[in-house]
Protein backbone atom coordinates (compact mmCIF):
# COMPACT_ATOMS: atom_id res chain seq x y z
CA MET A 1 73.93 97.56 35.05
CA LYS A 2 71.84 96.83 37.99
CA LYS A 3 72.50 98.85 40.96
CA LEU A 4 73.67 97.20 44.03
CA PRO A 5 71.43 97.79 47.25
CA LEU A 6 73.66 99.15 49.71
CA ILE A 7 73.75 101.70 52.59
CA PHE A 8 74.82 104.63 50.53
CA LEU A 9 76.96 107.10 52.66
CA PHE A 10 78.71 110.23 52.15
CA PHE A 11 82.34 109.82 53.26
CA SER A 12 84.90 112.07 54.62
CA PHE A 13 88.06 111.55 56.56
CA SER A 14 87.11 113.07 59.96
CA PHE A 15 85.46 110.38 61.96
CA CYS A 16 83.34 110.65 65.00
CA PHE A 17 82.79 107.79 67.43
CA SER A 18 81.33 107.41 70.94
CA GLN A 19 84.09 105.59 72.76
CA ASN A 20 87.47 106.90 73.64
CA PRO A 21 89.98 104.59 71.79
CA ASP A 22 92.89 105.87 73.82
CA ILE A 23 91.60 104.72 77.39
CA LYS A 24 93.40 101.46 77.05
CA ARG A 25 96.67 103.54 76.84
CA THR A 26 96.20 104.24 80.61
CA TYR A 27 95.61 100.66 81.76
CA HIS A 28 99.24 100.38 83.38
CA TRP A 29 100.31 102.58 86.04
CA TYR A 30 103.85 102.72 87.28
CA PHE A 31 104.81 104.99 90.10
CA GLY A 32 106.28 105.45 93.38
CA ASN A 33 108.81 103.16 95.14
CA GLY A 34 108.04 100.05 93.09
CA ALA A 35 104.40 100.61 92.96
CA ALA A 36 102.18 99.58 90.01
CA LEU A 37 98.71 98.70 89.01
CA ASP A 38 96.99 96.83 86.22
CA PHE A 39 93.50 98.30 85.25
CA SER A 40 92.98 96.10 82.17
CA SER A 41 90.28 93.85 84.07
CA GLY A 42 88.30 96.78 85.29
CA THR A 43 89.58 96.30 88.89
CA PRO A 44 92.95 97.62 89.92
CA VAL A 45 95.47 94.54 90.31
CA PRO A 46 98.87 95.19 92.00
CA ILE A 47 101.90 94.53 89.77
CA THR A 48 105.10 93.52 91.69
CA ASN A 49 107.89 93.71 89.26
CA SER A 50 108.21 97.35 88.69
CA ALA A 51 112.07 98.45 88.39
CA MET A 52 111.25 102.00 89.19
CA THR A 53 111.75 104.26 92.15
CA ALA A 54 110.18 107.47 91.73
CA GLU A 55 109.70 110.05 94.63
CA GLU A 56 107.45 112.16 92.56
CA GLY A 57 106.94 112.36 88.71
CA SER A 58 106.44 109.39 86.48
CA ALA A 59 104.86 108.33 83.31
CA SER A 60 103.73 104.96 81.79
CA ILE A 61 101.96 104.07 78.45
CA SER A 62 100.11 101.00 77.08
CA ASP A 63 99.21 100.41 73.43
CA THR A 64 95.44 100.56 72.24
CA CYS A 65 94.94 96.88 73.27
CA GLY A 66 95.98 97.86 76.78
CA ASP A 67 99.31 96.01 76.90
CA LEU A 68 102.19 97.71 78.59
CA LEU A 69 104.78 99.31 76.28
CA PHE A 70 107.16 101.13 78.52
CA TYR A 71 107.42 103.39 81.74
CA THR A 72 109.79 106.28 82.99
CA ASP A 73 110.70 108.36 86.04
CA GLY A 74 112.27 111.02 83.72
CA ASP A 75 115.69 109.73 84.08
CA THR A 76 115.52 106.14 82.79
CA VAL A 77 113.05 104.29 80.50
CA TRP A 78 112.06 100.66 81.25
CA ASN A 79 110.56 98.49 78.63
CA ARG A 80 107.55 96.13 79.22
CA ASN A 81 110.17 93.47 80.53
CA ASN A 82 111.33 95.94 83.30
CA GLN A 83 114.74 96.36 81.45
CA ALA A 84 116.21 99.67 80.88
CA MET A 85 115.91 100.47 76.99
CA PRO A 86 119.15 100.92 74.99
CA ASN A 87 120.08 104.64 75.35
CA GLY A 88 117.33 104.68 77.85
CA THR A 89 119.18 106.20 80.93
CA GLY A 90 120.38 109.74 81.41
CA LEU A 91 117.07 111.53 80.39
CA MET A 92 116.84 115.10 81.94
CA GLY A 93 113.63 114.87 83.66
CA CYS A 94 114.61 115.47 87.34
CA TRP A 95 113.92 112.80 90.10
CA SER A 96 112.18 115.46 92.22
CA SER A 97 110.03 117.10 89.48
CA THR A 98 106.23 116.93 90.12
CA GLN A 99 105.48 116.04 86.55
CA SER A 100 108.98 114.87 85.54
CA SER A 101 107.69 113.07 82.40
CA LEU A 102 104.79 112.51 80.07
CA ILE A 103 104.65 110.01 77.16
CA VAL A 104 102.75 110.94 73.98
CA PRO A 105 102.42 108.95 70.73
CA GLN A 106 103.22 110.71 67.70
CA PRO A 107 100.00 111.54 65.88
CA GLY A 108 99.36 109.01 63.13
CA ASN A 109 102.33 106.80 63.94
CA ASP A 110 102.15 104.32 66.72
CA SER A 111 105.79 103.28 66.29
CA ILE A 112 107.13 106.50 67.77
CA TYR A 113 106.61 107.93 71.23
CA TYR A 114 107.72 111.25 72.65
CA ILE A 115 108.73 111.62 76.29
CA PHE A 116 108.54 115.17 77.43
CA LEU A 117 110.62 116.14 80.42
CA THR A 118 110.85 118.79 83.02
CA ASP A 119 113.67 119.79 85.43
CA CYS A 120 113.05 120.42 89.14
CA GLY A 121 113.19 123.55 91.61
CA GLU A 122 116.17 122.02 93.08
CA ASN A 123 118.14 122.83 89.82
CA LEU A 124 116.40 126.08 89.31
CA GLY A 125 114.71 124.41 86.27
CA ALA A 126 118.04 125.03 84.48
CA ASN A 127 117.68 121.83 82.32
CA GLY A 128 114.26 123.15 81.07
CA LEU A 129 111.58 121.40 79.03
CA ARG A 130 112.97 118.62 76.77
CA TYR A 131 111.85 115.63 74.87
CA SER A 132 113.23 112.24 73.91
CA THR A 133 111.69 109.67 71.53
CA VAL A 134 111.13 105.96 71.56
CA ASN A 135 110.79 103.72 68.58
CA ILE A 136 108.97 100.83 70.00
CA ASN A 137 109.53 98.59 67.04
CA LEU A 138 113.27 98.40 67.64
CA ASN A 139 114.94 95.69 70.03
CA GLY A 140 112.30 93.11 68.99
CA GLY A 141 109.46 95.20 69.88
CA SER A 142 110.76 96.30 73.21
CA GLY A 143 111.68 99.68 72.02
CA ASP A 144 114.80 101.89 71.89
CA VAL A 145 115.47 105.51 72.76
CA VAL A 146 116.40 106.94 69.28
CA GLN A 147 116.57 110.70 70.32
CA LYS A 148 117.32 112.18 73.62
CA ASN A 149 117.18 115.34 75.53
CA VAL A 150 116.19 117.68 72.75
CA LEU A 151 115.81 121.16 74.32
CA LEU A 152 112.69 123.27 73.77
CA TYR A 153 113.33 126.07 76.35
CA ALA A 154 114.98 126.79 79.60
CA PRO A 155 114.56 127.31 82.62
CA SER A 156 111.31 125.43 83.14
CA MET A 157 109.05 124.68 86.13
CA GLU A 158 107.82 121.02 87.30
CA LYS A 159 104.56 121.33 85.41
CA LEU A 160 103.63 119.29 82.27
CA ALA A 161 100.09 118.51 80.80
CA ALA A 162 98.63 117.48 77.38
CA THR A 163 95.36 117.56 75.58
CA TYR A 164 94.10 117.11 71.96
CA HIS A 165 93.87 119.94 69.55
CA SER A 166 90.64 120.89 68.26
CA ASN A 167 91.27 118.82 65.06
CA GLY A 168 91.22 115.64 67.22
CA THR A 169 94.73 114.48 65.75
CA ASP A 170 97.48 116.94 67.02
CA ILE A 171 98.34 117.21 70.89
CA TRP A 172 99.00 120.37 72.79
CA ILE A 173 101.90 120.06 75.24
CA LEU A 174 101.67 122.56 78.04
CA SER A 175 104.26 123.82 80.50
CA CYS A 176 105.38 126.88 82.45
CA HIS A 177 108.43 129.01 81.93
CA ARG A 178 110.46 129.91 85.02
CA PHE A 179 111.58 133.41 85.63
CA PRO A 180 110.93 135.04 82.27
CA ILE A 181 113.44 137.73 81.52
CA GLY A 182 111.98 141.24 82.32
CA LEU A 183 108.37 140.03 83.42
CA PRO A 184 107.06 139.89 86.72
CA THR A 185 104.90 136.84 86.38
CA TYR A 186 105.50 133.44 84.89
CA GLN A 187 104.27 132.39 81.52
CA TYR A 188 102.63 129.19 80.00
CA TYR A 189 104.29 127.70 77.01
CA ALA A 190 102.09 125.46 74.69
CA TYR A 191 103.75 123.44 71.98
CA LEU A 192 102.01 121.48 69.19
CA LEU A 193 102.85 117.75 68.51
CA LYS A 194 101.87 117.06 64.85
CA THR A 195 102.18 114.06 62.60
CA ALA A 196 105.46 115.57 61.34
CA GLY A 197 106.84 116.15 64.98
CA VAL A 198 107.04 118.96 67.51
CA ASP A 199 106.32 122.53 66.24
CA THR A 200 109.13 124.26 68.16
CA THR A 201 107.47 127.71 68.05
CA PRO A 202 105.41 127.95 71.41
CA VAL A 203 102.28 129.61 71.89
CA ILE A 204 102.88 132.06 74.91
CA SER A 205 100.28 132.82 77.46
CA PRO A 206 100.51 135.02 80.72
CA SER A 207 99.94 133.67 84.15
CA ILE A 208 98.92 135.87 87.00
CA ALA A 209 101.24 133.95 89.31
CA TYR A 210 104.16 136.17 90.67
CA LYS A 211 107.76 135.02 90.81
CA ASN A 212 107.66 134.30 94.61
CA LYS A 213 106.20 130.94 93.95
CA TYR A 214 107.98 127.48 93.97
CA GLU A 215 108.10 125.25 90.90
CA ASP A 216 106.09 122.29 92.04
CA GLY A 217 102.26 121.47 92.12
CA TYR A 218 100.38 119.88 89.48
CA LEU A 219 99.12 121.32 86.05
CA ARG A 220 96.13 119.79 84.50
CA PHE A 221 93.71 120.03 81.54
CA SER A 222 89.90 119.44 81.75
CA HIS A 223 88.96 116.23 79.76
CA GLN A 224 87.19 118.57 77.23
CA GLY A 225 90.47 120.45 76.73
CA ASN A 226 88.86 123.91 77.50
CA LYS A 227 90.01 124.56 80.90
CA VAL A 228 93.33 124.39 82.70
CA ALA A 229 93.96 124.15 86.55
CA ASN A 230 97.47 124.93 87.92
CA ALA A 231 98.29 124.37 91.75
CA TRP A 232 100.87 127.11 92.68
CA HIS A 233 102.84 126.19 95.64
CA ALA A 234 104.29 129.26 97.38
CA GLY A 235 107.69 129.22 99.07
CA ASN A 236 108.00 132.58 100.81
CA CYS A 237 104.51 133.72 100.71
CA ILE A 238 102.53 132.05 103.30
CA TYR A 239 99.07 133.70 102.47
CA CYS A 240 99.29 133.51 98.57
CA ASP A 241 99.07 129.71 97.80
CA THR A 242 96.75 129.78 94.79
CA LEU A 243 94.81 127.46 92.45
CA GLU A 244 94.66 129.22 89.15
CA ILE A 245 92.07 128.39 86.73
CA LEU A 246 92.21 129.45 83.06
CA ASP A 247 90.32 128.96 79.83
CA PHE A 248 92.23 127.13 76.97
CA ASP A 249 91.56 127.56 73.21
CA ASN A 250 92.55 124.21 72.04
CA ASN A 251 92.60 125.55 68.42
CA THR A 252 95.18 128.10 69.06
CA GLY A 253 96.85 127.03 72.25
CA PHE A 254 96.11 130.37 74.00
CA LEU A 255 95.20 130.58 77.72
CA SER A 256 93.00 133.43 78.98
CA ASN A 257 90.40 134.55 81.69
CA SER A 258 92.65 133.46 84.59
CA TYR A 259 91.38 133.70 88.11
CA THR A 260 92.63 132.17 91.33
CA LEU A 261 90.97 130.32 94.24
CA MET A 262 92.69 130.99 97.51
CA SER A 263 93.80 128.25 99.95
CA ASP A 264 93.72 128.25 103.76
CA THR A 265 96.53 130.15 105.37
CA ALA A 266 99.81 128.23 105.48
CA HIS A 267 98.44 125.39 103.32
CA LEU A 268 100.41 124.39 100.10
CA HIS A 269 98.75 123.41 96.92
CA TYR A 270 99.91 120.28 95.18
CA GLY A 271 97.51 117.77 93.50
CA VAL A 272 94.83 118.97 91.20
CA VAL A 273 92.47 116.94 88.88
CA PHE A 274 89.11 117.52 87.05
CA SER A 275 86.16 114.99 87.65
CA PRO A 276 85.37 112.73 84.67
CA ASP A 277 82.37 115.15 83.58
CA ASP A 278 84.47 118.28 84.33
CA SER A 279 81.97 119.46 86.56
CA LYS A 280 84.09 119.33 89.70
CA LEU A 281 87.70 120.10 90.52
CA TYR A 282 89.58 118.48 93.29
CA HIS A 283 92.90 119.46 94.86
CA SER A 284 95.05 118.50 97.59
CA ILE A 285 97.06 120.64 100.08
CA PHE A 286 99.80 119.82 102.35
CA SER A 287 102.16 121.63 104.99
CA GLU A 288 105.82 121.38 105.42
CA LEU A 289 107.55 120.81 108.52
CA PHE A 290 107.64 124.41 109.66
CA TYR A 291 103.88 124.33 109.93
CA PRO A 292 103.29 121.21 112.15
CA ASP A 293 99.91 122.11 113.71
CA VAL A 294 97.72 122.04 110.45
CA HIS A 295 95.77 119.33 108.54
CA TYR A 296 96.41 118.04 105.31
CA LYS A 297 93.19 118.35 103.23
CA ILE A 298 91.39 117.46 99.94
CA PHE A 299 88.80 120.07 98.53
CA GLN A 300 86.26 119.92 95.96
CA TYR A 301 85.02 122.90 93.81
CA ASP A 302 81.86 122.82 91.68
CA LEU A 303 82.79 124.41 88.34
CA SER A 304 79.20 124.18 86.72
CA SER A 305 78.25 127.79 87.21
CA ASN A 306 81.68 129.02 85.43
CA ASN A 307 81.54 132.07 87.69
CA PRO A 308 84.66 132.41 89.70
CA ALA A 309 82.71 133.89 92.84
CA ILE A 310 80.36 131.04 92.85
CA ILE A 311 83.15 128.48 92.21
CA ALA A 312 85.24 129.85 95.19
CA ALA A 313 82.14 129.84 97.40
CA SER A 314 81.50 126.12 96.45
CA LYS A 315 84.73 124.88 98.25
CA THR A 316 84.04 121.71 100.15
CA LEU A 317 86.36 119.95 102.40
CA ILE A 318 85.89 116.06 101.54
CA GLN A 319 88.88 114.61 103.47
CA ALA A 320 91.39 115.93 106.33
CA SER A 321 94.27 114.32 108.18
CA ASP A 322 95.88 115.54 111.38
CA SER A 323 99.50 115.97 110.82
CA THR A 324 100.08 115.78 114.51
CA ASN A 325 98.87 112.14 114.55
CA THR A 326 101.75 109.60 114.22
CA LEU A 327 99.92 108.32 111.02
CA GLY A 328 99.42 111.86 109.65
CA THR A 329 98.88 111.70 105.99
CA ASN A 330 100.38 114.17 103.30
CA TYR A 331 97.93 114.06 100.26
CA GLY A 332 99.75 114.27 97.05
CA ALA A 333 98.73 113.44 93.45
CA LEU A 334 95.30 112.94 92.27
CA GLN A 335 94.66 111.07 88.97
CA ASN A 336 91.64 109.89 87.03
CA ASN A 337 91.34 106.32 85.75
CA SER A 338 89.44 104.30 83.19
CA ASP A 339 86.93 103.04 85.75
CA GLY A 340 85.62 106.64 86.24
CA LYS A 341 87.11 107.05 89.78
CA ILE A 342 90.04 109.36 91.25
CA TYR A 343 92.93 107.90 92.91
CA VAL A 344 94.87 109.68 95.52
CA THR A 345 98.43 109.16 96.68
CA LYS A 346 99.80 109.71 100.24
CA MET A 347 102.81 109.86 102.47
CA GLY A 348 103.15 110.01 106.08
CA ASN A 349 105.44 109.28 109.12
CA ILE A 350 105.53 105.68 107.62
CA TRP A 351 105.83 104.31 104.30
CA MET A 352 102.10 103.92 103.00
CA ASP A 353 101.26 101.12 100.43
CA THR A 354 97.63 102.05 99.69
CA LEU A 355 95.89 104.63 97.59
CA ASP A 356 92.74 106.37 98.59
CA VAL A 357 89.85 106.44 96.15
CA ILE A 358 87.10 109.13 95.18
CA THR A 359 84.39 106.56 93.99
CA ASN A 360 82.01 108.99 92.72
CA PRO A 361 83.84 112.12 91.63
CA ASN A 362 81.24 113.68 89.53
CA ALA A 363 78.83 113.92 92.83
CA ALA A 364 78.76 117.08 94.67
CA GLY A 365 80.24 117.26 98.14
CA LEU A 366 80.46 114.21 100.52
CA ALA A 367 78.39 112.34 98.10
CA CYS A 368 81.72 111.85 96.04
CA ASN A 369 82.27 109.01 98.55
CA TYR A 370 86.04 109.32 99.65
CA LEU A 371 87.36 105.82 100.43
CA VAL A 372 90.47 105.74 102.73
CA ASN A 373 92.91 102.99 101.76
CA GLY A 374 90.83 101.84 98.91
CA THR A 375 93.46 100.16 96.77
CA TYR A 376 96.76 98.35 97.77
CA CYS A 377 99.56 99.04 95.35
CA GLY A 378 103.02 98.95 97.09
CA HIS A 379 105.18 101.61 98.41
CA LEU A 380 103.97 105.07 97.45
CA GLY A 381 105.85 108.19 96.35
CA PHE A 382 104.16 111.60 96.14
CA GLY A 383 103.18 111.37 92.48
CA LEU A 384 101.06 109.25 90.10
CA PRO A 385 101.80 108.60 86.52
CA ASN A 386 101.17 111.50 84.11
CA PHE A 387 98.82 110.86 81.10
CA VAL A 388 97.49 112.96 78.25
CA ASP A 389 94.25 114.57 80.16
CA SER A 390 91.95 113.92 77.09
CA TYR A 391 92.49 110.07 77.43
CA PHE A 392 90.22 110.00 80.40
CA LYS A 393 87.13 111.66 78.64
CA GLY A 394 84.37 109.06 78.88
CA ASN A 395 82.85 109.85 75.35
CA TRP A 396 85.66 111.49 73.58
CA GLN A 397 85.00 112.78 70.05
CA PRO A 398 87.41 114.49 67.78
CA PRO A 399 85.62 117.55 66.56
CA CYS A 400 84.26 117.03 63.13
CA SER A 401 83.36 119.60 60.62
CA THR A 402 82.16 116.76 58.37
CA GLY A 403 81.44 113.06 58.88
CA ILE A 404 79.77 110.02 57.81
CA GLU A 405 76.10 110.82 57.04
CA GLU A 406 73.60 108.09 56.55
CA ASP A 407 71.42 108.51 53.46
CA VAL A 408 69.39 105.39 52.61
CA ALA A 409 69.32 101.91 54.13
CA ALA A 410 68.42 98.92 52.04
CA GLU A 411 68.66 95.05 52.22
CA ASN A 412 72.07 93.72 53.48
CA ASN A 413 73.91 92.14 50.61
CA ILE A 414 77.19 92.83 52.01
CA LEU A 415 78.22 90.81 54.98
CA ILE A 416 81.28 91.23 57.18
CA TYR A 417 81.83 88.67 59.91
CA PRO A 418 82.93 88.36 62.59
CA SER A 419 82.84 91.92 63.85
CA PRO A 420 84.78 92.68 66.05
CA PHE A 421 87.55 90.31 65.14
CA SER A 422 91.03 89.24 66.22
CA ASP A 423 92.96 87.73 63.26
CA TYR A 424 90.85 88.21 60.30
CA THR A 425 87.10 88.74 59.21
CA THR A 426 85.32 87.63 56.04
CA LEU A 427 83.84 90.05 53.48
CA ARG A 428 80.94 88.56 51.57
CA ILE A 429 78.98 90.28 48.60
CA SER A 430 75.91 87.96 48.20
CA ASN A 431 75.13 89.27 44.62
CA PHE A 432 78.64 89.66 43.27
CA ASP A 433 78.25 87.29 40.33
CA GLU A 434 74.76 88.37 39.51
CA LEU A 435 75.79 91.98 39.19
CA ARG A 436 79.02 91.10 37.30
CA ILE A 437 80.96 93.44 39.34
CA THR A 438 84.34 94.10 37.96
CA ASN A 439 85.55 97.44 39.55
CA ALA A 440 85.23 97.01 43.11
CA GLU A 441 87.80 97.84 45.80
CA LEU A 442 88.15 98.07 49.48
CA LYS A 443 90.07 100.61 51.71
CA ILE A 444 90.73 100.53 55.33
CA TYR A 445 91.25 103.83 57.16
CA ASP A 446 92.42 104.49 60.59
CA VAL A 447 90.65 106.96 62.88
CA LEU A 448 92.79 109.72 61.47
CA GLY A 449 91.77 109.10 58.00
CA HIS A 450 95.02 107.54 56.60
CA ILE A 451 94.69 104.52 54.34
CA VAL A 452 96.12 101.35 56.06
CA LEU A 453 95.09 98.63 53.63
CA GLN A 454 93.83 98.89 49.91
CA SER A 455 92.94 96.01 47.74
CA ALA A 456 90.76 95.19 44.69
CA ILE A 457 87.88 92.93 45.28
CA LYS A 458 87.72 90.11 42.72
CA ASN A 459 85.57 87.49 44.47
CA PRO A 460 82.15 87.23 46.11
CA GLN A 461 83.95 86.25 49.40
CA SER A 462 87.49 87.03 50.69
CA GLU A 463 89.23 87.24 54.16
CA ILE A 464 90.62 90.59 55.39
CA HIS A 465 93.54 89.71 57.68
CA ARG A 466 94.82 92.22 60.39
CA GLY A 467 98.37 91.91 59.31
CA ASN A 468 100.41 94.75 61.20
CA LEU A 469 97.41 96.44 62.27
CA ASN A 470 97.07 97.46 66.06
CA CYS A 471 94.01 96.86 68.10
CA GLY A 472 91.68 99.63 67.70
CA ILE A 473 88.74 101.22 65.63
CA TYR A 474 89.19 101.41 61.75
CA PHE A 475 86.65 102.07 58.92
CA LEU A 476 86.26 99.73 55.96
CA LYS A 477 85.19 101.60 52.69
CA ILE A 478 83.98 99.35 49.87
CA GLN A 479 83.58 101.26 46.58
CA ILE A 480 81.67 99.57 43.75
CA GLY A 481 81.35 101.98 40.77
CA ASN A 482 79.87 105.21 42.07
CA TYR A 483 78.39 103.42 45.17
CA ASN A 484 80.14 103.34 48.68
CA TYR A 485 79.62 101.34 51.69
CA ILE A 486 81.22 102.22 55.09
CA HIS A 487 81.54 99.59 57.88
CA LYS A 488 83.32 100.26 61.33
CA LEU A 489 85.91 97.63 61.99
CA ILE A 490 87.01 96.92 65.68
CA ILE A 491 90.17 94.90 66.06
CA PHE A 492 90.81 93.51 69.48
C-alpha cells in the first residue's frame, strides 16, 4: 500500500499553545452599585442593566466565546438576563467580604461552575469558606444553582484566590483560616478543584501574620502561579500593616518563604495585584476615619530581583490622594484585564463613577502611566470582580511533560478549510481514492485531551460540524493505518 505523504507527528494528550484560551472568560465585569463593563471589543464599554449592588466583593464569568454567563455578589446569582437564578439567593458569601465570591469552571466540564464563597469580618468569619454549583445548561441555558453553601471549613477570612495546578487542568483555591485553634498566626488553606469535584482535604501552610489582624484586604496569585501576595489590614496594630509575599508550589499547593513589606504608619493595606508579566506588584492603601490627616496611596514594587530587601527598597509611589480634600479618594481593588492594563476602583466623599487605569503596568515607576478617571463604568463600590488569576497570563501554557513533536513535513494532501470556523469545516484528502483508504478515522480532542468527537472517514471529502462544541481550541487527529496527522482547530 502506498504511503500517504503527511505531516507525521508523535501525539500525546498534553497540549501546549501560545494563547490563553480562558482570557475571554474575563470579558464581562459586574461590580459595585450597578457598575459593569464589557471588554469584548478590546475597549471597555459600560453596561447599564446590572441587577447587582455590591459594596465590596463580586464575581462574574463568561464562556470561552466571551459571552456573559452569570455574576454574583456572594449572596445572589444573576443569569445573563439579569434575573436571579432558580435557587440562586441566600448564598453565604457576605456582602461586606473583600473577596466574597469566585467563579471557577469545573475542569473538563463547561456545564458546571463552582462559586466559592467567604464570610466577612463583621460575622467573625463564622460561615466560613463554602461553595455552590451552577449547571449552566438548565433553565434554557440560563443556568440553575443545583448545590448550595457546601461547607469546607470555618471560620474564614475575606480572602479568596485561584490559580492553575502544574498539570494545567486542575485549579487551586486558596483562602485564609481565621483564628486557628492553639496557633498564634493565621493559616492558608489550599483546596484542589479536579474534574471529579473539590478535594476536601486542604493543603495547610503557615502565615507569619499574627492574630491582631482584620480579615479584609486582597489575596492574589501571580499569573505564573508561583507567587502569592496578601494585603493584611491591621485593626489594632497601627504600625504593623503588612503586605505578605510567599512562594507557591502549584504542584503541591504549599506556601513557603514568607516575608513582609511594611506600609507607611497608619495606612491600611487593601488592594494588591501583579503586573501582567509578574515583574511588578501594585497595592493600594487607605485610612479610616480615625486617621483623617493622611493620604491614600498606590505603590509599585519591583519583584525582578526576588530579593526581599531589594524589593522593599524598590517601593515607588505612583499615585496619592489627599483625604482632607472634599473629593478625597479611597483607593480600593486593583484588577488586571485582557487589554493588559490594571484598573483601580475608588470611593470618596461623593459617589464615583470612573475607574483609574494603570496603562503600562509592566513599566518601572512612573513610566507605568497612571491615568486618573480613565474609564466610566457607573457607581463604584470598593471591589472589582474576582477571577482565576491565571486567566490574565498573556501567553499561558499548561506545563507539558510531552507534547506534539513535528517530525517530517511533506506535500499537503490533507486540506481542512475554513480554519478557524464557526459552524462547520471541510476535510478533504486529495488522494483518498488513489490510496484505496479503508481504515481511516478522525478524533477531535479538547485542550484537556478528552475526545469530544470520533468518526470513521469513508469519503475523500466530508464536513465536520461543531455540534455542541463551545468556542475554543481543539485538536483534530486523523489516523490512517499507522500514520497520524494533527491539526489545530479553532472554533469562534
